[in-house]
Amino acid sequence: MIGHGSFGTVYLVIDTRTGEKLAAKMLTGIFDDVTDAKRLMREISILKTMDHPNIVSIRDIIIPNDTPIFNSCILIMEAA
């Protein structure tokens, strides 16, 4: 674990295919509060469009297989 924020916990992970160090942000209860869901969507939208050396980029978003009832996801980002 490398950090904890309002939306979830961040872990340092290693891509087994490339050996690259990445950050995995575990988000749970993402639809429990409408305001938090909107903020999370805004964060994802901004991070996906930004291209700056001082801002981490989102590499992937992992959602559970049971998509009709999912309430959590994992954001895979470059490790800072």
C-alpha atoms as a PDB file:
ATOM      1  CA  MET A   1       0.000   0.000   0.000  1.00  0.00           C
ATOM      2  CA  ILE A   2       1.424   3.396  -0.945  1.00  0.00           C
ATOM      3  CA  GLY A   3      -1.493   5.668  -0.088  1.00  0.00           C
ATOM      4  CA  HIS A   4      -5.105   6.148   0.869  1.00  0.00           C
ATOM      5  CA  GLY A   5      -7.501   8.830  -0.292  1.00  0.00           C
ATOM      6  CA  SER A   6     -11.157   9.769  -0.241  1.00  0.00           C
ATOM      7  CA  PHE A   7     -12.049   7.356  -3.050  1.00  0.00           C
ATOM      8  CA  GLY A   8      -9.875   4.378  -2.203  1.00  0.00           C
ATOM      9  CA  THR A   9      -6.518   2.804  -1.471  1.00  0.00           C
ATOM     10  CA  VAL A  10      -3.526   2.911  -3.831  1.00  0.00           C
ATOM     11  CA  TYR A  11      -1.138  -0.026  -4.168  1.00  0.00           C
ATOM     12  CA  LEU A  12       2.175  -0.339  -5.990  1.00  0.00           C
ATOM     13  CA  VAL A  13       1.882  -3.223  -8.474  1.00  0.00           C
ATOM     14  CA  ILE A  14       4.146  -4.691 -11.133  1.00  0.00           C
ATOM     15  CA  ASP A  15       2.960  -5.600 -14.626  1.00  0.00           C
ATOM     16  CA  THR A  16       4.082  -9.217 -14.983  1.00  0.00           C
ATOM     17  CA  ARG A  17       4.315  -8.898 -18.773  1.00  0.00           C
ATOM     18  CA  THR A  18       6.591  -5.842 -18.881  1.00  0.00           C
ATOM     19  CA  GLY A  19       8.012  -5.564 -15.360  1.00  0.00           C
ATOM     20  CA  GLU A  20       6.782  -1.961 -15.220  1.00  0.00           C
ATOM     21  CA  LYS A  21       5.812  -0.499 -11.835  1.00  0.00           C
ATOM     22  CA  LEU A  22       2.248   0.825 -11.787  1.00  0.00           C
ATOM     23  CA  ALA A  23      -0.228   2.153  -9.248  1.00  0.00           C
ATOM     24  CA  ALA A  24      -3.541   0.363  -8.703  1.00  0.00           C
ATOM     25  CA  LYS A  25      -6.252   2.498  -7.104  1.00  0.00           C
ATOM     26  CA  MET A  26      -8.899   0.242  -5.566  1.00  0.00           C
ATOM     27  CA  LEU A  27     -12.266   2.015  -5.569  1.00  0.00           C
ATOM     28  CA  THR A  28     -15.194   0.543  -3.656  1.00  0.00           C
ATOM     29  CA  GLY A  29     -18.748   1.754  -3.144  1.00  0.00           C
ATOM     30  CA  ILE A  30     -18.423   3.995  -6.185  1.00  0.00           C
ATOM     31  CA  PHE A  31     -22.173   4.415  -6.606  1.00  0.00           C
ATOM     32  CA  ASP A  32     -23.107   4.670  -2.910  1.00  0.00           C
ATOM     33  CA  ASP A  33     -23.161   8.481  -2.992  1.00  0.00           C
ATOM     34  CA  VAL A  34     -24.227  10.472  -6.071  1.00  0.00           C
ATOM     35  CA  THR A  35     -21.845  13.350  -5.360  1.00  0.00           C
ATOM     36  CA  ASP A  36     -18.861  11.017  -4.918  1.00  0.00           C
ATOM     37  CA  ALA A  37     -19.789   9.135  -8.119  1.00  0.00           C
ATOM     38  CA  LYS A  38     -19.816  12.428 -10.042  1.00  0.00           C
ATOM     39  CA  ARG A  39     -16.449  13.446  -8.581  1.00  0.00           C
ATOM     40  CA  LEU A  40     -14.940  10.088  -9.473  1.00  0.00           C
ATOM     41  CA  MET A  41     -16.253  10.318 -13.031  1.00  0.00           C
ATOM     42  CA  ARG A  42     -14.800  13.825 -13.290  1.00  0.00           C
ATOM     43  CA  GLU A  43     -11.417  12.584 -12.000  1.00  0.00           C
ATOM     44  CA  ILE A  44     -11.353   9.742 -14.535  1.00  0.00           C
ATOM     45  CA  SER A  45     -12.390  12.043 -17.396  1.00  0.00           C
ATOM     46  CA  ILE A  46      -9.717  14.608 -16.559  1.00  0.00           C
ATOM     47  CA  LEU A  47      -6.933  12.058 -16.071  1.00  0.00           C
ATOM     48  CA  LYS A  48      -7.774  10.283 -19.344  1.00  0.00           C
ATOM     49  CA  THR A  49      -7.489  13.529 -21.325  1.00  0.00           C
ATOM     50  CA  MET A  50      -4.463  15.102 -19.631  1.00  0.00           C
ATOM     51  CA  ASP A  51      -1.014  14.684 -21.135  1.00  0.00           C
ATOM     52  CA  HIS A  52       1.519  16.342 -18.844  1.00  0.00           C
ATOM     53  CA  PRO A  53       4.685  15.023 -17.178  1.00  0.00           C
ATOM     54  CA  ASN A  54       3.450  16.121 -13.714  1.00  0.00           C
ATOM     55  CA  ILE A  55       0.081  14.325 -13.963  1.00  0.00           C
ATOM     56  CA  VAL A  56      -0.253  10.537 -13.802  1.00  0.00           C
ATOM     57  CA  SER A  57      -2.052   8.931 -16.709  1.00  0.00           C
ATOM     58  CA  ILE A  58      -4.659   6.195 -16.499  1.00  0.00           C
ATOM     59  CA  ARG A  59      -3.502   3.032 -18.264  1.00  0.00           C
ATOM     60  CA  ASP A  60      -6.593   0.889 -17.703  1.00  0.00           C
ATOM     61  CA  ILE A  61      -9.838   0.619 -15.767  1.00  0.00           C
ATOM     62  CA  ILE A  62     -10.739  -2.832 -14.488  1.00  0.00           C
ATOM     63  CA  ILE A  63     -14.363  -3.557 -13.648  1.00  0.00           C
ATOM     64  CA  PRO A  64     -15.790  -6.802 -12.234  1.00  0.00           C
ATOM     65  CA  ASN A  65     -17.238  -9.422 -14.589  1.00  0.00           C
ATOM     66  CA  ASP A  66     -20.715  -8.944 -13.101  1.00  0.00           C
ATOM     67  CA  THR A  67     -21.215  -5.522 -14.719  1.00  0.00           C
ATOM     68  CA  PRO A  68     -24.982  -5.105 -14.138  1.00  0.00           C
ATOM     69  CA  ILE A  69     -24.448  -4.877 -10.372  1.00  0.00           C
ATOM     70  CA  PHE A  70     -20.826  -3.789  -9.953  1.00  0.00           C
ATOM     71  CA  ASN A  71     -20.006  -1.159  -7.322  1.00  0.00           C
ATOM     72  CA  SER A  72     -16.216  -1.160  -7.439  1.00  0.00           C
ATOM     73  CA  CYS A  73     -13.386  -0.804  -9.942  1.00  0.00           C
ATOM     74  CA  ILE A  74      -9.619  -0.578 -10.131  1.00  0.00           C
ATOM     75  CA  LEU A  75      -7.801   2.281 -11.858  1.00  0.00           C
ATOM     76  CA  ILE A  76      -4.390   1.298 -13.202  1.00  0.00           C
ATOM     77  CA  MET A  77      -2.126   4.341 -13.450  1.00  0.00           C
ATOM     78  CA  GLU A  78       1.544   4.994 -14.024  1.00  0.00           C
ATOM     79  CA  ALA A  79       3.458   5.052 -10.747  1.00  0.00           C
ATOM     80  CA  ALA A  80       4.717   8.490  -9.853  1.00  0.00           C
END
